[in-house]
Amino acid sequence: MLGDVLRYDEAHDSQLLVSARTWMERDRRNDAAATALHIHPNTLAYRLRRFGALAQRDLTSTGALAEVWLAIQAAGTLGLTD
């Protein structure tokens, strides 16, 4: 699920995965996540849309959100993320 996101991040230094993880860790609060990432909330919104498109998941769906959260946690455990 995260393969395309990881490849895109590596090729473009875009931090999509870090942005999605930070957003989820802050209970999907855009302002808190954007502040933590030191970016504008609109930049965060763009990154989340791009992440969703690459992961082929709708982050407004509870089921998709759960899948993404588990995938991000697994990737972290495997050392695939920062």
PDB file of N, CA and C in Angstrom:
ATOM      1  N   MET A   1       0.809  -1.190   0.000  1.00  0.00           N
ATOM      2  CA  MET A   1       0.000   0.000   0.000  1.00  0.00           C
ATOM      3  C   MET A   1       0.859   1.264   0.000  1.00  0.00           C
ATOM      4  N   LEU A   2       1.966   1.243   0.681  1.00  0.00           N
ATOM      5  CA  LEU A   2       2.790   2.448   0.807  1.00  0.00           C
ATOM      6  C   LEU A   2       3.932   2.518  -0.202  1.00  0.00           C
ATOM      7  N   GLY A   3       4.073   1.490  -1.033  1.00  0.00           N
ATOM      8  CA  GLY A   3       5.197   1.455  -1.961  1.00  0.00           C
ATOM      9  C   GLY A   3       5.288   2.675  -2.854  1.00  0.00           C
ATOM     10  N   ASP A   4       4.187   3.054  -3.486  1.00  0.00           N
ATOM     11  CA  ASP A   4       4.207   4.222  -4.376  1.00  0.00           C
ATOM     12  C   ASP A   4       4.497   5.504  -3.595  1.00  0.00           C
ATOM     13  N   VAL A   5       3.973   5.595  -2.380  1.00  0.00           N
ATOM     14  CA  VAL A   5       4.222   6.780  -1.543  1.00  0.00           C
ATOM     15  C   VAL A   5       5.705   6.862  -1.197  1.00  0.00           C
ATOM     16  N   LEU A   6       6.285   5.752  -0.771  1.00  0.00           N
ATOM     17  CA  LEU A   6       7.703   5.746  -0.400  1.00  0.00           C
ATOM     18  C   LEU A   6       8.592   6.087  -1.598  1.00  0.00           C
ATOM     19  N   ARG A   7       8.269   5.522  -2.751  1.00  0.00           N
ATOM     20  CA  ARG A   7       9.051   5.832  -3.959  1.00  0.00           C
ATOM     21  C   ARG A   7       8.912   7.299  -4.348  1.00  0.00           C
ATOM     22  N   TYR A   8       7.701   7.832  -4.266  1.00  0.00           N
ATOM     23  CA  TYR A   8       7.471   9.243  -4.597  1.00  0.00           C
ATOM     24  C   TYR A   8       8.245  10.142  -3.629  1.00  0.00           C
ATOM     25  N   ASP A   9       8.163   9.832  -2.335  1.00  0.00           N
ATOM     26  CA  ASP A   9       8.899  10.624  -1.340  1.00  0.00           C
ATOM     27  C   ASP A   9      10.391  10.617  -1.628  1.00  0.00           C
ATOM     28  N   GLU A  10      10.924   9.451  -1.954  1.00  0.00           N
ATOM     29  CA  GLU A  10      12.357   9.351  -2.227  1.00  0.00           C
ATOM     30  C   GLU A  10      12.740  10.146  -3.474  1.00  0.00           C
ATOM     31  N   ALA A  11      11.929  10.060  -4.500  1.00  0.00           N
ATOM     32  CA  ALA A  11      12.237  10.741  -5.765  1.00  0.00           C
ATOM     33  C   ALA A  11      12.062  12.259  -5.672  1.00  0.00           C
ATOM     34  N   HIS A  12      11.113  12.714  -4.831  1.00  0.00           N
ATOM     35  CA  HIS A  12      10.770  14.138  -4.798  1.00  0.00           C
ATOM     36  C   HIS A  12      11.045  14.812  -3.460  1.00  0.00           C
ATOM     37  N   ASP A  13      11.548  14.067  -2.482  1.00  0.00           N
ATOM     38  CA  ASP A  13      11.770  14.601  -1.133  1.00  0.00           C
ATOM     39  C   ASP A  13      10.520  15.354  -0.650  1.00  0.00           C
ATOM     40  N   SER A  14       9.364  14.691  -0.821  1.00  0.00           N
ATOM     41  CA  SER A  14       8.080  15.357  -0.591  1.00  0.00           C
ATOM     42  C   SER A  14       7.512  15.192   0.812  1.00  0.00           C
ATOM     43  N   GLN A  15       7.994  14.221   1.567  1.00  0.00           N
ATOM     44  CA  GLN A  15       7.548  14.009   2.948  1.00  0.00           C
ATOM     45  C   GLN A  15       6.059  13.701   3.063  1.00  0.00           C
ATOM     46  N   LEU A  16       5.508  13.000   2.088  1.00  0.00           N
ATOM     47  CA  LEU A  16       4.087  12.653   2.143  1.00  0.00           C
ATOM     48  C   LEU A  16       3.791  11.713   3.307  1.00  0.00           C
ATOM     49  N   LEU A  17       4.622  10.706   3.488  1.00  0.00           N
ATOM     50  CA  LEU A  17       4.370   9.745   4.555  1.00  0.00           C
ATOM     51  C   LEU A  17       4.504  10.410   5.925  1.00  0.00           C
ATOM     52  N   VAL A  18       5.526  11.205   6.115  1.00  0.00           N
ATOM     53  CA  VAL A  18       5.713  11.914   7.381  1.00  0.00           C
ATOM     54  C   VAL A  18       4.525  12.833   7.637  1.00  0.00           C
ATOM     55  N   SER A  19       4.036  13.476   6.604  1.00  0.00           N
ATOM     56  CA  SER A  19       2.897  14.380   6.760  1.00  0.00           C
ATOM     57  C   SER A  19       1.646  13.621   7.178  1.00  0.00           C
ATOM     58  N   ALA A  20       1.385  12.490   6.540  1.00  0.00           N
ATOM     59  CA  ALA A  20       0.204  11.695   6.887  1.00  0.00           C
ATOM     60  C   ALA A  20       0.327  11.144   8.302  1.00  0.00           C
ATOM     61  N   ARG A  21       1.504  10.654   8.645  1.00  0.00           N
ATOM     62  CA  ARG A  21       1.703  10.123  10.003  1.00  0.00           C
ATOM     63  C   ARG A  21       1.520  11.212  11.048  1.00  0.00           C
ATOM     64  N   THR A  22       2.089  12.378  10.816  1.00  0.00           N
ATOM     65  CA  THR A  22       1.967  13.494  11.760  1.00  0.00           C
ATOM     66  C   THR A  22       0.517  13.915  11.908  1.00  0.00           C
ATOM     67  N   TRP A  23      -0.203  13.972  10.812  1.00  0.00           N
ATOM     68  CA  TRP A  23      -1.623  14.328  10.816  1.00  0.00           C
ATOM     69  C   TRP A  23      -2.430  13.322  11.633  1.00  0.00           C
ATOM     70  N   MET A  24      -2.158  12.042  11.442  1.00  0.00           N
ATOM     71  CA  MET A  24      -2.871  11.006  12.197  1.00  0.00           C
ATOM     72  C   MET A  24      -2.507  11.031  13.677  1.00  0.00           C
ATOM     73  N   GLU A  25      -1.239  11.264  13.966  1.00  0.00           N
ATOM     74  CA  GLU A  25      -0.798  11.324  15.357  1.00  0.00           C
ATOM     75  C   GLU A  25      -1.432  12.486  16.112  1.00  0.00           C
ATOM     76  N   ARG A  26      -1.865  13.477  15.393  1.00  0.00           N
ATOM     77  CA  ARG A  26      -2.522  14.641  16.001  1.00  0.00           C
ATOM     78  C   ARG A  26      -4.040  14.590  15.790  1.00  0.00           C
ATOM     79  N   ASP A  27      -4.553  13.388  15.734  1.00  0.00           N
ATOM     80  CA  ASP A  27      -6.003  13.148  15.629  1.00  0.00           C
ATOM     81  C   ASP A  27      -6.644  13.867  14.446  1.00  0.00           C
ATOM     82  N   ARG A  28      -5.914  13.890  13.335  1.00  0.00           N
ATOM     83  CA  ARG A  28      -6.405  14.451  12.079  1.00  0.00           C
ATOM     84  C   ARG A  28      -6.733  15.945  12.183  1.00  0.00           C
ATOM     85  N   ARG A  29      -6.047  16.634  13.067  1.00  0.00           N
ATOM     86  CA  ARG A  29      -6.220  18.093  13.200  1.00  0.00           C
ATOM     87  C   ARG A  29      -5.196  18.776  12.295  1.00  0.00           C
ATOM     88  N   ASN A  30      -5.716  19.398  11.245  1.00  0.00           N
ATOM     89  CA  ASN A  30      -4.846  19.995  10.235  1.00  0.00           C
ATOM     90  C   ASN A  30      -3.937  21.073  10.798  1.00  0.00           C
ATOM     91  N   ASP A  31      -4.478  21.972  11.598  1.00  0.00           N
ATOM     92  CA  ASP A  31      -3.652  23.069  12.120  1.00  0.00           C
ATOM     93  C   ASP A  31      -2.524  22.557  13.004  1.00  0.00           C
ATOM     94  N   ALA A  32      -2.832  21.590  13.870  1.00  0.00           N
ATOM     95  CA  ALA A  32      -1.806  21.047  14.764  1.00  0.00           C
ATOM     96  C   ALA A  32      -0.724  20.319  13.969  1.00  0.00           C
ATOM     97  N   ALA A  33      -1.134  19.556  12.978  1.00  0.00           N
ATOM     98  CA  ALA A  33      -0.163  18.821  12.160  1.00  0.00           C
ATOM     99  C   ALA A  33       0.689  19.781  11.330  1.00  0.00           C
ATOM    100  N   ALA A  34       0.054  20.773  10.728  1.00  0.00           N
ATOM    101  CA  ALA A  34       0.806  21.742   9.918  1.00  0.00           C
ATOM    102  C   ALA A  34       1.814  22.491  10.781  1.00  0.00           C
ATOM    103  N   THR A  35       1.418  22.869  11.976  1.00  0.00           N
ATOM    104  CA  THR A  35       2.337  23.549  12.891  1.00  0.00           C
ATOM    105  C   THR A  35       3.512  22.648  13.235  1.00  0.00           C
ATOM    106  N   ALA A  36       3.242  21.391  13.548  1.00  0.00           N
ATOM    107  CA  ALA A  36       4.307  20.447  13.889  1.00  0.00           C
ATOM    108  C   ALA A  36       5.271  20.240  12.723  1.00  0.00           C
ATOM    109  N   LEU A  37       4.744  20.286  11.514  1.00  0.00           N
ATOM    110  CA  LEU A  37       5.566  20.080  10.315  1.00  0.00           C
ATOM    111  C   LEU A  37       6.213  21.372   9.811  1.00  0.00           C
ATOM    112  N   HIS A  38       5.812  22.501  10.399  1.00  0.00           N
ATOM    113  CA  HIS A  38       6.316  23.818   9.983  1.00  0.00           C
ATOM    114  C   HIS A  38       5.954  24.124   8.529  1.00  0.00           C
ATOM    115  N   ILE A  39       4.705  23.802   8.174  1.00  0.00           N
ATOM    116  CA  ILE A  39       4.202  24.086   6.833  1.00  0.00           C
ATOM    117  C   ILE A  39       2.833  24.746   6.938  1.00  0.00           C
ATOM    118  N   HIS A  40       2.373  25.319   5.861  1.00  0.00           N
ATOM    119  CA  HIS A  40       1.051  25.943   5.803  1.00  0.00           C
ATOM    120  C   HIS A  40      -0.009  24.835   5.752  1.00  0.00           C
ATOM    121  N   PRO A  41      -1.174  25.051   6.376  1.00  0.00           N
ATOM    122  CA  PRO A  41      -2.242  24.039   6.315  1.00  0.00           C
ATOM    123  C   PRO A  41      -2.633  23.649   4.893  1.00  0.00           C
ATOM    124  N   ASN A  42      -2.559  24.576   3.951  1.00  0.00           N
ATOM    125  CA  ASN A  42      -2.870  24.228   2.556  1.00  0.00           C
ATOM    126  C   ASN A  42      -1.839  23.260   1.981  1.00  0.00           C
ATOM    127  N   THR A  43      -0.589  23.417   2.380  1.00  0.00           N
ATOM    128  CA  THR A  43       0.452  22.482   1.944  1.00  0.00           C
ATOM    129  C   THR A  43       0.171  21.097   2.505  1.00  0.00           C
ATOM    130  N   LEU A  44      -0.241  21.041   3.765  1.00  0.00           N
ATOM    131  CA  LEU A  44      -0.597  19.760   4.369  1.00  0.00           C
ATOM    132  C   LEU A  44      -1.769  19.130   3.630  1.00  0.00           C
ATOM    133  N   ALA A  45      -2.785  19.917   3.329  1.00  0.00           N
ATOM    134  CA  ALA A  45      -3.954  19.391   2.615  1.00  0.00           C
ATOM    135  C   ALA A  45      -3.540  18.817   1.258  1.00  0.00           C
ATOM    136  N   TYR A  46      -2.653  19.504   0.556  1.00  0.00           N
ATOM    137  CA  TYR A  46      -2.155  18.986  -0.732  1.00  0.00           C
ATOM    138  C   TYR A  46      -1.423  17.656  -0.522  1.00  0.00           C
ATOM    139  N   ARG A  47      -0.544  17.619   0.471  1.00  0.00           N
ATOM    140  CA  ARG A  47       0.221  16.389   0.715  1.00  0.00           C
ATOM    141  C   ARG A  47      -0.701  15.219   1.052  1.00  0.00           C
ATOM    142  N   LEU A  48      -1.739  15.475   1.834  1.00  0.00           N
ATOM    143  CA  LEU A  48      -2.667  14.409   2.194  1.00  0.00           C
ATOM    144  C   LEU A  48      -3.439  13.906   0.978  1.00  0.00           C
ATOM    145  N   ARG A  49      -3.841  14.833   0.099  1.00  0.00           N
ATOM    146  CA  ARG A  49      -4.514  14.410  -1.138  1.00  0.00           C
ATOM    147  C   ARG A  49      -3.569  13.572  -2.001  1.00  0.00           C
ATOM    148  N   ARG A  50      -2.337  14.008  -2.113  1.00  0.00           N
ATOM    149  CA  ARG A  50      -1.344  13.288  -2.927  1.00  0.00           C
ATOM    150  C   ARG A  50      -1.073  11.916  -2.316  1.00  0.00           C
ATOM    151  N   PHE A  51      -0.928  11.873  -0.998  1.00  0.00           N
ATOM    152  CA  PHE A  51      -0.723  10.603  -0.309  1.00  0.00           C
ATOM    153  C   PHE A  51      -1.881   9.659  -0.605  1.00  0.00           C
ATOM    154  N   GLY A  52      -3.103  10.137  -0.458  1.00  0.00           N
ATOM    155  CA  GLY A  52      -4.280   9.310  -0.708  1.00  0.00           C
ATOM    156  C   GLY A  52      -4.323   8.787  -2.131  1.00  0.00           C
ATOM    157  N   ALA A  53      -3.963   9.635  -3.076  1.00  0.00           N
ATOM    158  CA  ALA A  53      -3.972   9.223  -4.481  1.00  0.00           C
ATOM    159  C   ALA A  53      -2.923   8.135  -4.729  1.00  0.00           C
ATOM    160  N   LEU A  54      -1.734   8.322  -4.201  1.00  0.00           N
ATOM    161  CA  LEU A  54      -0.670   7.346  -4.415  1.00  0.00           C
ATOM    162  C   LEU A  54      -0.947   6.033  -3.682  1.00  0.00           C
ATOM    163  N   ALA A  55      -1.525   6.127  -2.494  1.00  0.00           N
ATOM    164  CA  ALA A  55      -1.840   4.921  -1.708  1.00  0.00           C
ATOM    165  C   ALA A  55      -3.156   4.294  -2.156  1.00  0.00           C
ATOM    166  N   GLN A  56      -3.864   4.992  -3.025  1.00  0.00           N
ATOM    167  CA  GLN A  56      -5.176   4.551  -3.503  1.00  0.00           C
ATOM    168  C   GLN A  56      -6.133   4.312  -2.337  1.00  0.00           C
ATOM    169  N   ARG A  57      -6.118   5.275  -1.388  1.00  0.00           N
ATOM    170  CA  ARG A  57      -6.988   5.211  -0.225  1.00  0.00           C
ATOM    171  C   ARG A  57      -7.619   6.579  -0.004  1.00  0.00           C
ATOM    172  N   ASP A  58      -8.907   6.583   0.343  1.00  0.00           N
ATOM    173  CA  ASP A  58      -9.639   7.802   0.668  1.00  0.00           C
ATOM    174  C   ASP A  58      -9.496   8.037   2.169  1.00  0.00           C
ATOM    175  N   LEU A  59      -8.706   9.042   2.554  1.00  0.00           N
ATOM    176  CA  LEU A  59      -8.435   9.275   3.967  1.00  0.00           C
ATOM    177  C   LEU A  59      -9.631   9.813   4.733  1.00  0.00           C
ATOM    178  N   THR A  60     -10.754  10.050   4.066  1.00  0.00           N
ATOM    179  CA  THR A  60     -11.979  10.427   4.777  1.00  0.00           C
ATOM    180  C   THR A  60     -12.764   9.193   5.200  1.00  0.00           C
ATOM    181  N   SER A  61     -12.366   8.023   4.726  1.00  0.00           N
ATOM    182  CA  SER A  61     -13.018   6.756   5.065  1.00  0.00           C
ATOM    183  C   SER A  61     -12.367   6.166   6.313  1.00  0.00           C
ATOM    184  N   THR A  62     -13.183   5.800   7.285  1.00  0.00           N
ATOM    185  CA  THR A  62     -12.659   5.217   8.520  1.00  0.00           C
ATOM    186  C   THR A  62     -11.876   3.938   8.239  1.00  0.00           C
ATOM    187  N   GLY A  63     -12.398   3.085   7.380  1.00  0.00           N
ATOM    188  CA  GLY A  63     -11.705   1.841   7.049  1.00  0.00           C
ATOM    189  C   GLY A  63     -10.367   2.091   6.394  1.00  0.00           C
ATOM    190  N   ALA A  64     -10.329   2.996   5.441  1.00  0.00           N
ATOM    191  CA  ALA A  64      -9.080   3.314   4.753  1.00  0.00           C
ATOM    192  C   ALA A  64      -8.082   3.946   5.718  1.00  0.00           C
ATOM    193  N   LEU A  65      -8.582   4.798   6.578  1.00  0.00           N
ATOM    194  CA  LEU A  65      -7.721   5.450   7.561  1.00  0.00           C
ATOM    195  C   LEU A  65      -7.071   4.411   8.477  1.00  0.00           C
ATOM    196  N   ALA A  66      -7.850   3.425   8.894  1.00  0.00           N
ATOM    197  CA  ALA A  66      -7.311   2.358   9.745  1.00  0.00           C
ATOM    198  C   ALA A  66      -6.249   1.557   8.995  1.00  0.00           C
ATOM    199  N   GLU A  67      -6.504   1.244   7.744  1.00  0.00           N
ATOM    200  CA  GLU A  67      -5.524   0.512   6.936  1.00  0.00           C
ATOM    201  C   GLU A  67      -4.223   1.293   6.810  1.00  0.00           C
ATOM    202  N   VAL A  68      -4.352   2.574   6.526  1.00  0.00           N
ATOM    203  CA  VAL A  68      -3.170   3.416   6.353  1.00  0.00           C
ATOM    204  C   VAL A  68      -2.395   3.508   7.665  1.00  0.00           C
ATOM    205  N   TRP A  69      -3.111   3.708   8.774  1.00  0.00           N
ATOM    206  CA  TRP A  69      -2.447   3.812  10.077  1.00  0.00           C
ATOM    207  C   TRP A  69      -1.649   2.540  10.371  1.00  0.00           C
ATOM    208  N   LEU A  70      -2.264   1.393  10.152  1.00  0.00           N
ATOM    209  CA  LEU A  70      -1.569   0.128  10.405  1.00  0.00           C
ATOM    210  C   LEU A  70      -0.365  -0.044   9.470  1.00  0.00           C
ATOM    211  N   ALA A  71      -0.514   0.354   8.218  1.00  0.00           N
ATOM    212  CA  ALA A  71       0.598   0.255   7.262  1.00  0.00           C
ATOM    213  C   ALA A  71       1.745   1.169   7.673  1.00  0.00           C
ATOM    214  N   ILE A  72       1.426   2.373   8.126  1.00  0.00           N
ATOM    215  CA  ILE A  72       2.475   3.306   8.558  1.00  0.00           C
ATOM    216  C   ILE A  72       3.186   2.754   9.789  1.00  0.00           C
ATOM    217  N   GLN A  73       2.434   2.203  10.718  1.00  0.00           N
ATOM    218  CA  GLN A  73       3.047   1.614  11.914  1.00  0.00           C
ATOM    219  C   GLN A  73       3.947   0.439  11.535  1.00  0.00           C
ATOM    220  N   ALA A  74       3.482  -0.408  10.638  1.00  0.00           N
ATOM    221  CA  ALA A  74       4.285  -1.560  10.190  1.00  0.00           C
ATOM    222  C   ALA A  74       5.552  -1.091   9.486  1.00  0.00           C
ATOM    223  N   ALA A  75       5.430  -0.074   8.640  1.00  0.00           N
ATOM    224  CA  ALA A  75       6.605   0.447   7.931  1.00  0.00           C
ATOM    225  C   ALA A  75       7.625   0.993   8.920  1.00  0.00           C
ATOM    226  N   GLY A  76       7.152   1.658   9.957  1.00  0.00           N
ATOM    227  CA  GLY A  76       8.054   2.169  10.990  1.00  0.00           C
ATOM    228  C   GLY A  76       8.760   1.037  11.718  1.00  0.00           C
ATOM    229  N   THR A  77       8.034  -0.015  12.045  1.00  0.00           N
ATOM    230  CA  THR A  77       8.613  -1.166  12.737  1.00  0.00           C
ATOM    231  C   THR A  77       9.666  -1.847  11.864  1.00  0.00           C
ATOM    232  N   LEU A  78       9.423  -1.870  10.571  1.00  0.00           N
ATOM    233  CA  LEU A  78      10.365  -2.488   9.632  1.00  0.00           C
ATOM    234  C   LEU A  78      11.527  -1.560   9.261  1.00  0.00           C
ATOM    235  N   GLY A  79      11.494  -0.338   9.756  1.00  0.00           N
ATOM    236  CA  GLY A  79      12.573   0.608   9.471  1.00  0.00           C
ATOM    237  C   GLY A  79      12.487   1.230   8.086  1.00  0.00           C
ATOM    238  N   LEU A  80      11.292   1.254   7.512  1.00  0.00           N
ATOM    239  CA  LEU A  80      11.129   1.819   6.172  1.00  0.00           C
ATOM    240  C   LEU A  80      10.832   3.308   6.188  1.00  0.00           C
ATOM    241  N   THR A  81      10.593   3.874   7.370  1.00  0.00           N
ATOM    242  CA  THR A  81      10.268   5.300   7.487  1.00  0.00           C
ATOM    243  C   THR A  81      11.248   5.958   8.445  1.00  0.00           C
ATOM    244  N   ASP A  82      11.210   7.268   8.442  1.00  0.00           N
ATOM    245  CA  ASP A  82      12.082   8.049   9.349  1.00  0.00           C
ATOM    246  C   ASP A  82      11.714   7.835  10.790  1.00  0.00           C
TER     247      ASP A  82
END
